[in-house]
């Protein structure tokens, strides 16, 4: 068992739960309740929210499979690269739109997954 990749799997699973529980409460529910958006952008954003849920769960699964020897190293490399890109995009949006970093902590969640994945890949 690769403990660093197992940690990445746990962190990705926790991130998925945070996304579903808190994101559902503070992002998805208010999004659906808004009457100021037309149906196409509203439901496209809601669809994308669910895509993120699927991707986060897939990251947890990918890291878990590789950590337990049931997946290839390439799968862990792909998952680590994805987490790194999500981290960078989060930081990029914070900078681009001058957002408060404390209000958008996604970058930190993805950074921890990325670091765990990278260390796990080096072992």
PDB file of N, CA and C in Angstrom:
ATOM      1  N   UNK A   1       0.856  -1.186   0.000  1.00  0.00           N
ATOM      2  CA  UNK A   1       0.000   0.000   0.000  1.00  0.00           C
ATOM      3  C   UNK A   1       0.891   1.234   0.000  1.00  0.00           C
ATOM      4  N   UNK A   2       0.558   2.136  -0.898  1.00  0.00           N
ATOM      5  CA  UNK A   2       1.255   3.422  -0.964  1.00  0.00           C
ATOM      6  C   UNK A   2       0.469   4.399  -0.085  1.00  0.00           C
ATOM      7  N   UNK A   3       1.019   4.707   1.090  1.00  0.00           N
ATOM      8  CA  UNK A   3       0.294   5.522   2.055  1.00  0.00           C
ATOM      9  C   UNK A   3       0.072   6.953   1.582  1.00  0.00           C
ATOM     10  N   UNK A   4       0.985   7.496   0.792  1.00  0.00           N
ATOM     11  CA  UNK A   4       0.819   8.861   0.293  1.00  0.00           C
ATOM     12  C   UNK A   4      -0.317   8.936  -0.722  1.00  0.00           C
ATOM     13  N   UNK A   5      -0.422   7.923  -1.564  1.00  0.00           N
ATOM     14  CA  UNK A   5      -1.535   7.904  -2.520  1.00  0.00           C
ATOM     15  C   UNK A   5      -2.849   7.603  -1.804  1.00  0.00           C
ATOM     16  N   UNK A   6      -2.778   6.799  -0.746  1.00  0.00           N
ATOM     17  CA  UNK A   6      -3.979   6.558   0.067  1.00  0.00           C
ATOM     18  C   UNK A   6      -4.425   7.859   0.730  1.00  0.00           C
ATOM     19  N   UNK A   7      -3.458   8.653   1.202  1.00  0.00           N
ATOM     20  CA  UNK A   7      -3.791   9.960   1.777  1.00  0.00           C
ATOM     21  C   UNK A   7      -4.425  10.860   0.722  1.00  0.00           C
ATOM     22  N   UNK A   8      -3.880  10.855  -0.487  1.00  0.00           N
ATOM     23  CA  UNK A   8      -4.465  11.640  -1.575  1.00  0.00           C
ATOM     24  C   UNK A   8      -5.905  11.188  -1.831  1.00  0.00           C
ATOM     25  N   UNK A   9      -6.163   9.882  -1.770  1.00  0.00           N
ATOM     26  CA  UNK A   9      -7.520   9.363  -1.965  1.00  0.00           C
ATOM     27  C   UNK A   9      -8.453   9.858  -0.867  1.00  0.00           C
ATOM     28  N   UNK A  10      -7.992   9.818   0.367  1.00  0.00           N
ATOM     29  CA  UNK A  10      -8.814  10.285   1.493  1.00  0.00           C
ATOM     30  C   UNK A  10      -9.084  11.779   1.366  1.00  0.00           C
ATOM     31  N   UNK A  11      -8.048  12.551   1.034  1.00  0.00           N
ATOM     32  CA  UNK A  11      -8.220  13.996   0.866  1.00  0.00           C
ATOM     33  C   UNK A  11      -9.189  14.313  -0.274  1.00  0.00           C
ATOM     34  N   UNK A  12      -9.100  13.566  -1.365  1.00  0.00           N
ATOM     35  CA  UNK A  12     -10.027  13.766  -2.482  1.00  0.00           C
ATOM     36  C   UNK A  12     -11.455  13.385  -2.074  1.00  0.00           C
ATOM     37  N   UNK A  13     -11.592  12.331  -1.275  1.00  0.00           N
ATOM     38  CA  UNK A  13     -12.925  11.935  -0.799  1.00  0.00           C
ATOM     39  C   UNK A  13     -13.507  12.997   0.138  1.00  0.00           C
ATOM     40  N   UNK A  14     -12.668  13.538   1.014  1.00  0.00           N
ATOM     41  CA  UNK A  14     -13.120  14.614   1.913  1.00  0.00           C
ATOM     42  C   UNK A  14     -13.522  15.837   1.097  1.00  0.00           C
ATOM     43  N   UNK A  15     -12.738  16.159   0.085  1.00  0.00           N
ATOM     44  CA  UNK A  15     -13.057  17.289  -0.787  1.00  0.00           C
ATOM     45  C   UNK A  15     -14.389  17.053  -1.494  1.00  0.00           C
ATOM     46  N   UNK A  16     -14.626  15.818  -1.907  1.00  0.00           N
ATOM     47  CA  UNK A  16     -15.905  15.481  -2.542  1.00  0.00           C
ATOM     48  C   UNK A  16     -17.060  15.709  -1.572  1.00  0.00           C
ATOM     49  N   UNK A  17     -16.886  15.263  -0.341  1.00  0.00           N
ATOM     50  CA  UNK A  17     -17.944  15.446   0.660  1.00  0.00           C
ATOM     51  C   UNK A  17     -18.186  16.926   0.961  1.00  0.00           C
ATOM     52  N   UNK A  18     -17.117  17.686   1.080  1.00  0.00           N
ATOM     53  CA  UNK A  18     -17.263  19.129   1.304  1.00  0.00           C
ATOM     54  C   UNK A  18     -18.027  19.759   0.138  1.00  0.00           C
ATOM     55  N   UNK A  19     -17.644  19.358  -1.071  1.00  0.00           N
ATOM     56  CA  UNK A  19     -18.315  19.886  -2.261  1.00  0.00           C
ATOM     57  C   UNK A  19     -19.811  19.555  -2.246  1.00  0.00           C
ATOM     58  N   UNK A  20     -20.135  18.310  -1.951  1.00  0.00           N
ATOM     59  CA  UNK A  20     -21.532  17.876  -1.977  1.00  0.00           C
ATOM     60  C   UNK A  20     -22.332  18.517  -0.849  1.00  0.00           C
ATOM     61  N   UNK A  21     -21.797  18.482   0.367  1.00  0.00           N
ATOM     62  CA  UNK A  21     -22.568  18.957   1.526  1.00  0.00           C
ATOM     63  C   UNK A  21     -22.595  20.486   1.590  1.00  0.00           C
ATOM     64  N   UNK A  22     -21.426  21.103   1.699  1.00  0.00           N
ATOM     65  CA  UNK A  22     -21.390  22.560   1.805  1.00  0.00           C
ATOM     66  C   UNK A  22     -21.711  23.229   0.473  1.00  0.00           C
ATOM     67  N   UNK A  23     -21.147  22.682  -0.599  1.00  0.00           N
ATOM     68  CA  UNK A  23     -21.442  23.248  -1.917  1.00  0.00           C
ATOM     69  C   UNK A  23     -22.906  23.116  -2.271  1.00  0.00           C
ATOM     70  N   UNK A  24     -23.498  22.012  -1.893  1.00  0.00           N
ATOM     71  CA  UNK A  24     -24.930  21.842  -2.125  1.00  0.00           C
ATOM     72  C   UNK A  24     -25.742  22.884  -1.385  1.00  0.00           C
ATOM     73  N   UNK A  25     -25.354  23.124  -0.146  1.00  0.00           N
ATOM     74  CA  UNK A  25     -26.085  24.080   0.687  1.00  0.00           C
ATOM     75  C   UNK A  25     -25.857  25.533   0.274  1.00  0.00           C
ATOM     76  N   UNK A  26     -24.600  25.885  -0.004  1.00  0.00           N
ATOM     77  CA  UNK A  26     -24.259  27.297  -0.210  1.00  0.00           C
ATOM     78  C   UNK A  26     -24.063  27.706  -1.669  1.00  0.00           C
ATOM     79  N   UNK A  27     -24.037  26.730  -2.571  1.00  0.00           N
ATOM     80  CA  UNK A  27     -23.843  27.062  -3.987  1.00  0.00           C
ATOM     81  C   UNK A  27     -25.005  26.533  -4.831  1.00  0.00           C
ATOM     82  N   UNK A  28     -25.199  25.226  -4.829  1.00  0.00           N
ATOM     83  CA  UNK A  28     -26.200  24.634  -5.728  1.00  0.00           C
ATOM     84  C   UNK A  28     -27.628  25.045  -5.368  1.00  0.00           C
ATOM     85  N   UNK A  29     -27.972  24.978  -4.093  1.00  0.00           N
ATOM     86  CA  UNK A  29     -29.336  25.325  -3.690  1.00  0.00           C
ATOM     87  C   UNK A  29     -29.672  26.789  -3.995  1.00  0.00           C
ATOM     88  N   UNK A  30     -28.803  27.747  -3.616  1.00  0.00           N
ATOM     89  CA  UNK A  30     -29.105  29.146  -3.980  1.00  0.00           C
ATOM     90  C   UNK A  30     -29.124  29.370  -5.496  1.00  0.00           C
ATOM     91  N   UNK A  31     -28.272  28.650  -6.205  1.00  0.00           N
ATOM     92  CA  UNK A  31     -28.265  28.778  -7.663  1.00  0.00           C
ATOM     93  C   UNK A  31     -29.627  28.395  -8.236  1.00  0.00           C
ATOM     94  N   UNK A  32     -30.157  27.263  -7.799  1.00  0.00           N
ATOM     95  CA  UNK A  32     -31.450  26.822  -8.311  1.00  0.00           C
ATOM     96  C   UNK A  32     -32.594  27.732  -7.862  1.00  0.00           C
ATOM     97  N   UNK A  33     -32.435  28.371  -6.710  1.00  0.00           N
ATOM     98  CA  UNK A  33     -33.498  29.231  -6.189  1.00  0.00           C
ATOM     99  C   UNK A  33     -33.540  30.593  -6.870  1.00  0.00           C
ATOM    100  N   UNK A  34     -32.456  30.978  -7.515  1.00  0.00           N
ATOM    101  CA  UNK A  34     -32.433  32.310  -8.123  1.00  0.00           C
ATOM    102  C   UNK A  34     -33.393  32.396  -9.294  1.00  0.00           C
ATOM    103  N   UNK A  35     -34.047  33.534  -9.367  1.00  0.00           N
ATOM    104  CA  UNK A  35     -34.980  33.777 -10.468  1.00  0.00           C
ATOM    105  C   UNK A  35     -34.395  34.765 -11.467  1.00  0.00           C
ATOM    106  N   UNK A  36     -33.210  35.263 -11.174  1.00  0.00           N
ATOM    107  CA  UNK A  36     -32.597  36.296 -12.013  1.00  0.00           C
ATOM    108  C   UNK A  36     -31.827  35.710 -13.200  1.00  0.00           C
ATOM    109  N   UNK A  37     -31.579  34.425 -13.178  1.00  0.00           N
ATOM    110  CA  UNK A  37     -30.870  33.786 -14.285  1.00  0.00           C
ATOM    111  C   UNK A  37     -31.858  33.095 -15.216  1.00  0.00           C
ATOM    112  N   UNK A  38     -31.559  33.137 -16.492  1.00  0.00           N
ATOM    113  CA  UNK A  38     -32.367  32.388 -17.453  1.00  0.00           C
ATOM    114  C   UNK A  38     -32.078  30.904 -17.280  1.00  0.00           C
ATOM    115  N   UNK A  39     -32.945  30.072 -17.778  1.00  0.00           N
ATOM    116  CA  UNK A  39     -32.840  28.625 -17.583  1.00  0.00           C
ATOM    117  C   UNK A  39     -31.541  28.039 -18.129  1.00  0.00           C
ATOM    118  N   UNK A  40     -31.101  28.477 -19.299  1.00  0.00           N
ATOM    119  CA  UNK A  40     -29.911  27.862 -19.898  1.00  0.00           C
ATOM    120  C   UNK A  40     -28.664  28.090 -19.049  1.00  0.00           C
ATOM    121  N   UNK A  41     -28.306  29.322 -18.672  1.00  0.00           N
ATOM    122  CA  UNK A  41     -27.123  29.468 -17.832  1.00  0.00           C
ATOM    123  C   UNK A  41     -27.295  28.843 -16.446  1.00  0.00           C
ATOM    124  N   UNK A  42     -28.491  28.934 -15.880  1.00  0.00           N
ATOM    125  CA  UNK A  42     -28.726  28.367 -14.553  1.00  0.00           C
ATOM    126  C   UNK A  42     -28.497  26.863 -14.554  1.00  0.00           C
ATOM    127  N   UNK A  43     -29.126  26.167 -15.479  1.00  0.00           N
ATOM    128  CA  UNK A  43     -29.019  24.714 -15.460  1.00  0.00           C
ATOM    129  C   UNK A  43     -27.707  24.217 -16.057  1.00  0.00           C
ATOM    130  N   UNK A  44     -27.062  25.036 -16.855  1.00  0.00           N
ATOM    131  CA  UNK A  44     -25.705  24.692 -17.309  1.00  0.00           C
ATOM    132  C   UNK A  44     -24.751  24.742 -16.122  1.00  0.00           C
ATOM    133  N   UNK A  45     -24.864  25.762 -15.283  1.00  0.00           N
ATOM    134  CA  UNK A  45     -24.009  25.846 -14.085  1.00  0.00           C
ATOM    135  C   UNK A  45     -24.322  24.705 -13.119  1.00  0.00           C
ATOM    136  N   UNK A  46     -25.582  24.363 -12.990  1.00  0.00           N
ATOM    137  CA  UNK A  46     -25.963  23.251 -12.111  1.00  0.00           C
ATOM    138  C   UNK A  46     -25.404  21.935 -12.651  1.00  0.00           C
ATOM    139  N   UNK A  47     -25.467  21.775 -13.944  1.00  0.00           N
ATOM    140  CA  UNK A  47     -24.877  20.596 -14.597  1.00  0.00           C
ATOM    141  C   UNK A  47     -23.375  20.540 -14.327  1.00  0.00           C
ATOM    142  N   UNK A  48     -22.703  21.672 -14.469  1.00  0.00           N
ATOM    143  CA  UNK A  48     -21.254  21.722 -14.226  1.00  0.00           C
ATOM    144  C   UNK A  48     -20.932  21.417 -12.769  1.00  0.00           C
ATOM    145  N   UNK A  49     -21.783  21.837 -11.859  1.00  0.00           N
ATOM    146  CA  UNK A  49     -21.574  21.532 -10.449  1.00  0.00           C
ATOM    147  C   UNK A  49     -21.568  20.011 -10.247  1.00  0.00           C
ATOM    148  N   UNK A  50     -22.471  19.322 -10.926  1.00  0.00           N
ATOM    149  CA  UNK A  50     -22.507  17.861 -10.828  1.00  0.00           C
ATOM    150  C   UNK A  50     -21.307  17.220 -11.521  1.00  0.00           C
ATOM    151  N   UNK A  51     -20.842  17.815 -12.607  1.00  0.00           N
ATOM    152  CA  UNK A  51     -19.624  17.300 -13.249  1.00  0.00           C
ATOM    153  C   UNK A  51     -18.447  17.368 -12.295  1.00  0.00           C
ATOM    154  N   UNK A  52     -18.342  18.450 -11.552  1.00  0.00           N
ATOM    155  CA  UNK A  52     -17.269  18.582 -10.564  1.00  0.00           C
ATOM    156  C   UNK A  52     -17.399  17.484  -9.509  1.00  0.00           C
ATOM    157  N   UNK A  53     -18.608  17.205  -9.079  1.00  0.00           N
ATOM    158  CA  UNK A  53     -18.829  16.130  -8.112  1.00  0.00           C
ATOM    159  C   UNK A  53     -18.290  14.800  -8.651  1.00  0.00           C
ATOM    160  N   UNK A  54     -18.603  14.508  -9.891  1.00  0.00           N
ATOM    161  CA  UNK A  54     -18.153  13.260 -10.518  1.00  0.00           C
ATOM    162  C   UNK A  54     -16.628  13.223 -10.622  1.00  0.00           C
ATOM    163  N   UNK A  55     -16.023  14.331 -11.030  1.00  0.00           N
ATOM    164  CA  UNK A  55     -14.562  14.385 -11.171  1.00  0.00           C
ATOM    165  C   UNK A  55     -13.884  14.216  -9.813  1.00  0.00           C
ATOM    166  N   UNK A  56     -14.399  14.862  -8.788  1.00  0.00           N
ATOM    167  CA  UNK A  56     -13.809  14.726  -7.455  1.00  0.00           C
ATOM    168  C   UNK A  56     -13.884  13.278  -6.963  1.00  0.00           C
ATOM    169  N   UNK A  57     -15.024  12.649  -7.150  1.00  0.00           N
ATOM    170  CA  UNK A  57     -15.170  11.244  -6.750  1.00  0.00           C
ATOM    171  C   UNK A  57     -14.226  10.354  -7.563  1.00  0.00           C
ATOM    172  N   UNK A  58     -14.061  10.668  -8.838  1.00  0.00           N
ATOM    173  CA  UNK A  58     -13.150   9.899  -9.690  1.00  0.00           C
ATOM    174  C   UNK A  58     -11.700  10.065  -9.241  1.00  0.00           C
ATOM    175  N   UNK A  59     -11.319  11.262  -8.792  1.00  0.00           N
ATOM    176  CA  UNK A  59      -9.970  11.457  -8.253  1.00  0.00           C
ATOM    177  C   UNK A  59      -9.757  10.556  -7.039  1.00  0.00           C
ATOM    178  N   UNK A  60     -10.726  10.539  -6.132  1.00  0.00           N
ATOM    179  CA  UNK A  60     -10.615   9.686  -4.946  1.00  0.00           C
ATOM    180  C   UNK A  60     -10.489   8.219  -5.344  1.00  0.00           C
ATOM    181  N   UNK A  61     -11.298   7.793  -6.288  1.00  0.00           N
ATOM    182  CA  UNK A  61     -11.244   6.410  -6.761  1.00  0.00           C
ATOM    183  C   UNK A  61      -9.907   6.095  -7.420  1.00  0.00           C
ATOM    184  N   UNK A  62      -9.436   6.991  -8.274  1.00  0.00           N
ATOM    185  CA  UNK A  62      -8.162   6.765  -8.975  1.00  0.00           C
ATOM    186  C   UNK A  62      -7.020   6.621  -7.985  1.00  0.00           C
ATOM    187  N   UNK A  63      -6.910   7.551  -7.045  1.00  0.00           N
ATOM    188  CA  UNK A  63      -5.835   7.459  -6.050  1.00  0.00           C
ATOM    189  C   UNK A  63      -5.981   6.197  -5.205  1.00  0.00           C
ATOM    190  N   UNK A  64      -7.207   5.854  -4.848  1.00  0.00           N
ATOM    191  CA  UNK A  64      -7.436   4.650  -4.052  1.00  0.00           C
ATOM    192  C   UNK A  64      -7.027   3.376  -4.782  1.00  0.00           C
ATOM    193  N   UNK A  65      -7.346   3.313  -6.065  1.00  0.00           N
ATOM    194  CA  UNK A  65      -6.970   2.125  -6.850  1.00  0.00           C
ATOM    195  C   UNK A  65      -5.458   1.974  -6.936  1.00  0.00           C
ATOM    196  N   UNK A  66      -4.773   3.061  -7.212  1.00  0.00           N
ATOM    197  CA  UNK A  66      -3.316   2.986  -7.349  1.00  0.00           C
ATOM    198  C   UNK A  66      -2.668   2.725  -5.993  1.00  0.00           C
ATOM    199  N   UNK A  67      -3.191   3.334  -4.932  1.00  0.00           N
ATOM    200  CA  UNK A  67      -2.632   3.136  -3.591  1.00  0.00           C
ATOM    201  C   UNK A  67      -2.670   1.676  -3.170  1.00  0.00           C
ATOM    202  N   UNK A  68      -3.699   0.965  -3.604  1.00  0.00           N
ATOM    203  CA  UNK A  68      -3.862  -0.442  -3.214  1.00  0.00           C
ATOM    204  C   UNK A  68      -3.317  -1.421  -4.253  1.00  0.00           C
ATOM    205  N   UNK A  69      -2.636  -0.902  -5.270  1.00  0.00           N
ATOM    206  CA  UNK A  69      -2.013  -1.769  -6.265  1.00  0.00           C
ATOM    207  C   UNK A  69      -2.945  -2.261  -7.352  1.00  0.00           C
ATOM    208  N   UNK A  70      -4.136  -1.681  -7.457  1.00  0.00           N
ATOM    209  CA  UNK A  70      -5.098  -2.119  -8.475  1.00  0.00           C
ATOM    210  C   UNK A  70      -5.220  -1.149  -9.639  1.00  0.00           C
ATOM    211  N   UNK A  71      -4.326  -0.184  -9.714  1.00  0.00           N
ATOM    212  CA  UNK A  71      -4.342   0.781 -10.808  1.00  0.00           C
ATOM    213  C   UNK A  71      -2.914   1.100 -11.210  1.00  0.00           C
ATOM    214  N   UNK A  72      -2.770   1.615 -12.405  1.00  0.00           N
ATOM    215  CA  UNK A  72      -1.426   1.915 -12.904  1.00  0.00           C
ATOM    216  C   UNK A  72      -0.926   3.250 -12.371  1.00  0.00           C
ATOM    217  N   UNK A  73       0.373   3.393 -12.362  1.00  0.00           N
ATOM    218  CA  UNK A  73       1.030   4.630 -11.947  1.00  0.00           C
ATOM    219  C   UNK A  73       0.558   5.795 -12.818  1.00  0.00           C
ATOM    220  N   UNK A  74       0.264   5.526 -14.091  1.00  0.00           N
ATOM    221  CA  UNK A  74      -0.221   6.572 -14.991  1.00  0.00           C
ATOM    222  C   UNK A  74      -1.541   7.169 -14.504  1.00  0.00           C
ATOM    223  N   UNK A  75      -2.364   6.346 -13.887  1.00  0.00           N
ATOM    224  CA  UNK A  75      -3.635   6.833 -13.352  1.00  0.00           C
ATOM    225  C   UNK A  75      -3.375   7.824 -12.217  1.00  0.00           C
ATOM    226  N   UNK A  76      -2.428   7.499 -11.350  1.00  0.00           N
ATOM    227  CA  UNK A  76      -2.076   8.420 -10.258  1.00  0.00           C
ATOM    228  C   UNK A  76      -1.451   9.695 -10.805  1.00  0.00           C
ATOM    229  N   UNK A  77      -0.649   9.561 -11.850  1.00  0.00           N
ATOM    230  CA  UNK A  77      -0.039  10.736 -12.472  1.00  0.00           C
ATOM    231  C   UNK A  77      -1.124  11.648 -13.060  1.00  0.00           C
ATOM    232  N   UNK A  78      -2.086  11.054 -13.737  1.00  0.00           N
ATOM    233  CA  UNK A  78      -3.201  11.821 -14.313  1.00  0.00           C
ATOM    234  C   UNK A  78      -4.010  12.521 -13.217  1.00  0.00           C
ATOM    235  N   UNK A  79      -4.309  11.800 -12.136  1.00  0.00           N
ATOM    236  CA  UNK A  79      -5.091  12.377 -11.031  1.00  0.00           C
ATOM    237  C   UNK A  79      -4.315  13.499 -10.352  1.00  0.00           C
ATOM    238  N   UNK A  80      -3.021  13.311 -10.171  1.00  0.00           N
ATOM    239  CA  UNK A  80      -2.190  14.351  -9.550  1.00  0.00           C
ATOM    240  C   UNK A  80      -2.127  15.592 -10.436  1.00  0.00           C
ATOM    241  N   UNK A  81      -1.946  15.389 -11.730  1.00  0.00           N
ATOM    242  CA  UNK A  81      -1.911  16.522 -12.663  1.00  0.00           C
ATOM    243  C   UNK A  81      -3.253  17.256 -12.660  1.00  0.00           C
ATOM    244  N   UNK A  82      -4.342  16.526 -12.616  1.00  0.00           N
ATOM    245  CA  UNK A  82      -5.665  17.153 -12.560  1.00  0.00           C
ATOM    246  C   UNK A  82      -5.826  17.992 -11.305  1.00  0.00           C
ATOM    247  N   UNK A  83      -5.446  17.445 -10.160  1.00  0.00           N
ATOM    248  CA  UNK A  83      -5.544  18.195  -8.903  1.00  0.00           C
ATOM    249  C   UNK A  83      -4.677  19.452  -8.954  1.00  0.00           C
ATOM    250  N   UNK A  84      -3.480  19.329  -9.530  1.00  0.00           N
ATOM    251  CA  UNK A  84      -2.586  20.490  -9.645  1.00  0.00           C
ATOM    252  C   UNK A  84      -3.209  21.568 -10.529  1.00  0.00           C
ATOM    253  N   UNK A  85      -3.804  21.163 -11.636  1.00  0.00           N
ATOM    254  CA  UNK A  85      -4.436  22.133 -12.532  1.00  0.00           C
ATOM    255  C   UNK A  85      -5.644  22.801 -11.868  1.00  0.00           C
ATOM    256  N   UNK A  86      -6.410  22.044 -11.094  1.00  0.00           N
ATOM    257  CA  UNK A  86      -7.539  22.626 -10.380  1.00  0.00           C
ATOM    258  C   UNK A  86      -7.052  23.645  -9.352  1.00  0.00           C
ATOM    259  N   UNK A  87      -5.949  23.333  -8.671  1.00  0.00           N
ATOM    260  CA  UNK A  87      -5.349  24.260  -7.707  1.00  0.00           C
ATOM    261  C   UNK A  87      -4.918  25.539  -8.411  1.00  0.00           C
ATOM    262  N   UNK A  88      -4.196  25.389  -9.503  1.00  0.00           N
ATOM    263  CA  UNK A  88      -3.706  26.560 -10.238  1.00  0.00           C
ATOM    264  C   UNK A  88      -4.853  27.408 -10.787  1.00  0.00           C
ATOM    265  N   UNK A  89      -5.887  26.766 -11.302  1.00  0.00           N
ATOM    266  CA  UNK A  89      -7.025  27.523 -11.835  1.00  0.00           C
ATOM    267  C   UNK A  89      -7.731  28.283 -10.711  1.00  0.00           C
ATOM    268  N   UNK A  90      -7.872  27.662  -9.551  1.00  0.00           N
ATOM    269  CA  UNK A  90      -8.483  28.325  -8.412  1.00  0.00           C
ATOM    270  C   UNK A  90      -7.693  29.571  -8.022  1.00  0.00           C
ATOM    271  N   UNK A  91      -6.373  29.427  -7.925  1.00  0.00           N
ATOM    272  CA  UNK A  91      -5.529  30.582  -7.598  1.00  0.00           C
ATOM    273  C   UNK A  91      -5.581  31.630  -8.709  1.00  0.00           C
ATOM    274  N   UNK A  92      -5.633  31.173  -9.953  1.00  0.00           N
ATOM    275  CA  UNK A  92      -5.730  32.095 -11.075  1.00  0.00           C
ATOM    276  C   UNK A  92      -7.004  32.911 -11.028  1.00  0.00           C
ATOM    277  N   UNK A  93      -8.120  32.270 -10.721  1.00  0.00           N
ATOM    278  CA  UNK A  93      -9.386  32.995 -10.617  1.00  0.00           C
ATOM    279  C   UNK A  93      -9.370  33.988  -9.469  1.00  0.00           C
ATOM    280  N   UNK A  94      -8.762  33.579  -8.352  1.00  0.00           N
ATOM    281  CA  UNK A  94      -8.660  34.485  -7.203  1.00  0.00           C
ATOM    282  C   UNK A  94      -7.894  35.740  -7.610  1.00  0.00           C
ATOM    283  N   UNK A  95      -6.795  35.561  -8.313  1.00  0.00           N
ATOM    284  CA  UNK A  95      -6.012  36.704  -8.758  1.00  0.00           C
ATOM    285  C   UNK A  95      -6.707  37.507  -9.841  1.00  0.00           C
ATOM    286  N   UNK A  96      -7.254  36.822 -10.810  1.00  0.00           N
ATOM    287  CA  UNK A  96      -7.885  37.487 -11.954  1.00  0.00           C
ATOM    288  C   UNK A  96      -9.093  38.340 -11.548  1.00  0.00           C
ATOM    289  N   UNK A  97      -9.900  37.792 -10.659  1.00  0.00           N
ATOM    290  CA  UNK A  97     -11.119  38.490 -10.255  1.00  0.00           C
ATOM    291  C   UNK A  97     -10.993  39.201  -8.905  1.00  0.00           C
ATOM    292  N   UNK A  98      -9.773  39.213  -8.374  1.00  0.00           N
ATOM    293  CA  UNK A  98      -9.479  39.890  -7.101  1.00  0.00           C
ATOM    294  C   UNK A  98     -10.415  39.422  -5.987  1.00  0.00           C
ATOM    295  N   UNK A  99     -10.522  38.105  -5.867  1.00  0.00           N
ATOM    296  CA  UNK A  99     -11.367  37.497  -4.849  1.00  0.00           C
ATOM    297  C   UNK A  99     -10.578  37.362  -3.549  1.00  0.00           C
ATOM    298  N   UNK A 100     -11.273  37.257  -2.461  1.00  0.00           N
ATOM    299  CA  UNK A 100     -10.621  37.049  -1.168  1.00  0.00           C
ATOM    300  C   UNK A 100     -10.250  35.579  -1.046  1.00  0.00           C
ATOM    301  N   UNK A 101      -8.978  35.314  -0.843  1.00  0.00           N
ATOM    302  CA  UNK A 101      -8.468  33.937  -0.850  1.00  0.00           C
ATOM    303  C   UNK A 101      -9.136  33.079   0.223  1.00  0.00           C
ATOM    304  N   UNK A 102      -9.476  33.666   1.356  1.00  0.00           N
ATOM    305  CA  UNK A 102     -10.115  32.916   2.435  1.00  0.00           C
ATOM    306  C   UNK A 102     -11.538  32.490   2.074  1.00  0.00           C
ATOM    307  N   UNK A 103     -12.174  33.186   1.148  1.00  0.00           N
ATOM    308  CA  UNK A 103     -13.540  32.848   0.752  1.00  0.00           C
ATOM    309  C   UNK A 103     -13.587  31.760  -0.313  1.00  0.00           C
ATOM    310  N   UNK A 104     -12.431  31.458  -0.911  1.00  0.00           N
ATOM    311  CA  UNK A 104     -12.346  30.455  -1.974  1.00  0.00           C
ATOM    312  C   UNK A 104     -11.197  29.486  -1.662  1.00  0.00           C
ATOM    313  N   UNK A 105     -11.401  28.598  -0.676  1.00  0.00           N
ATOM    314  CA  UNK A 105     -10.309  27.730  -0.209  1.00  0.00           C
ATOM    315  C   UNK A 105     -10.072  26.485  -1.063  1.00  0.00           C
ATOM    316  N   UNK A 106     -10.731  26.388  -2.210  1.00  0.00           N
ATOM    317  CA  UNK A 106     -10.584  25.192  -3.036  1.00  0.00           C
ATOM    318  C   UNK A 106      -9.118  24.934  -3.379  1.00  0.00           C
ATOM    319  N   UNK A 107      -8.367  25.988  -3.624  1.00  0.00           N
ATOM    320  CA  UNK A 107      -6.958  25.847  -3.992  1.00  0.00           C
ATOM    321  C   UNK A 107      -6.200  25.048  -2.938  1.00  0.00           C
ATOM    322  N   UNK A 108      -6.506  25.293  -1.664  1.00  0.00           N
ATOM    323  CA  UNK A 108      -5.792  24.607  -0.588  1.00  0.00           C
ATOM    324  C   UNK A 108      -6.133  23.115  -0.555  1.00  0.00           C
ATOM    325  N   UNK A 109      -7.393  22.799  -0.787  1.00  0.00           N
ATOM    326  CA  UNK A 109      -7.786  21.389  -0.830  1.00  0.00           C
ATOM    327  C   UNK A 109      -7.053  20.670  -1.968  1.00  0.00           C
ATOM    328  N   UNK A 110      -7.036  21.293  -3.143  1.00  0.00           N
ATOM    329  CA  UNK A 110      -6.358  20.673  -4.280  1.00  0.00           C
ATOM    330  C   UNK A 110      -4.844  20.661  -4.108  1.00  0.00           C
ATOM    331  N   UNK A 111      -4.295  21.647  -3.422  1.00  0.00           N
ATOM    332  CA  UNK A 111      -2.849  21.667  -3.174  1.00  0.00           C
ATOM    333  C   UNK A 111      -2.443  20.479  -2.304  1.00  0.00           C
ATOM    334  N   UNK A 112      -3.236  20.171  -1.283  1.00  0.00           N
ATOM    335  CA  UNK A 112      -2.892  19.042  -0.414  1.00  0.00           C
ATOM    336  C   UNK A 112      -2.991  17.711  -1.169  1.00  0.00           C
ATOM    337  N   UNK A 113      -3.990  17.601  -2.018  1.00  0.00           N
ATOM    338  CA  UNK A 113      -4.124  16.394  -2.838  1.00  0.00           C
ATOM    339  C   UNK A 113      -2.930  16.282  -3.783  1.00  0.00           C
ATOM    340  N   UNK A 114      -2.553  17.390  -4.397  1.00  0.00           N
ATOM    341  CA  UNK A 114      -1.426  17.407  -5.339  1.00  0.00           C
ATOM    342  C   UNK A 114      -0.126  16.990  -4.660  1.00  0.00           C
ATOM    343  N   UNK A 115       0.150  17.579  -3.509  1.00  0.00           N
ATOM    344  CA  UNK A 115       1.400  17.256  -2.793  1.00  0.00           C
ATOM    345  C   UNK A 115       1.415  15.779  -2.396  1.00  0.00           C
ATOM    346  N   UNK A 116       0.312  15.276  -1.863  1.00  0.00           N
ATOM    347  CA  UNK A 116       0.246  13.854  -1.489  1.00  0.00           C
ATOM    348  C   UNK A 116       0.445  12.955  -2.703  1.00  0.00           C
ATOM    349  N   UNK A 117      -0.189  13.325  -3.809  1.00  0.00           N
ATOM    350  CA  UNK A 117      -0.028  12.540  -5.039  1.00  0.00           C
ATOM    351  C   UNK A 117       1.400  12.567  -5.547  1.00  0.00           C
ATOM    352  N   UNK A 118       2.044  13.739  -5.508  1.00  0.00           N
ATOM    353  CA  UNK A 118       3.418  13.837  -5.988  1.00  0.00           C
ATOM    354  C   UNK A 118       4.373  13.014  -5.132  1.00  0.00           C
ATOM    355  N   UNK A 119       4.222  13.102  -3.827  1.00  0.00           N
ATOM    356  CA  UNK A 119       5.088  12.320  -2.935  1.00  0.00           C
ATOM    357  C   UNK A 119       4.836  10.826  -3.174  1.00  0.00           C
ATOM    358  N   UNK A 120       3.580  10.458  -3.304  1.00  0.00           N
ATOM    359  CA  UNK A 120       3.242   9.055  -3.565  1.00  0.00           C
ATOM    360  C   UNK A 120       3.825   8.550  -4.889  1.00  0.00           C
ATOM    361  N   UNK A 121       3.882   9.390  -5.876  1.00  0.00           N
ATOM    362  CA  UNK A 121       4.449   8.997  -7.169  1.00  0.00           C
ATOM    363  C   UNK A 121       5.960   8.807  -7.083  1.00  0.00           C
ATOM    364  N   UNK A 122       6.618   9.537  -6.205  1.00  0.00           N
ATOM    365  CA  UNK A 122       8.077   9.425  -6.060  1.00  0.00           C
ATOM    366  C   UNK A 122       8.484   8.197  -5.293  1.00  0.00           C
ATOM    367  N   UNK A 123       7.556   7.544  -4.621  1.00  0.00           N
ATOM    368  CA  UNK A 123       7.910   6.358  -3.821  1.00  0.00           C
ATOM    369  C   UNK A 123       7.951   5.111  -4.677  1.00  0.00           C
TER     370      UNK A 123
END
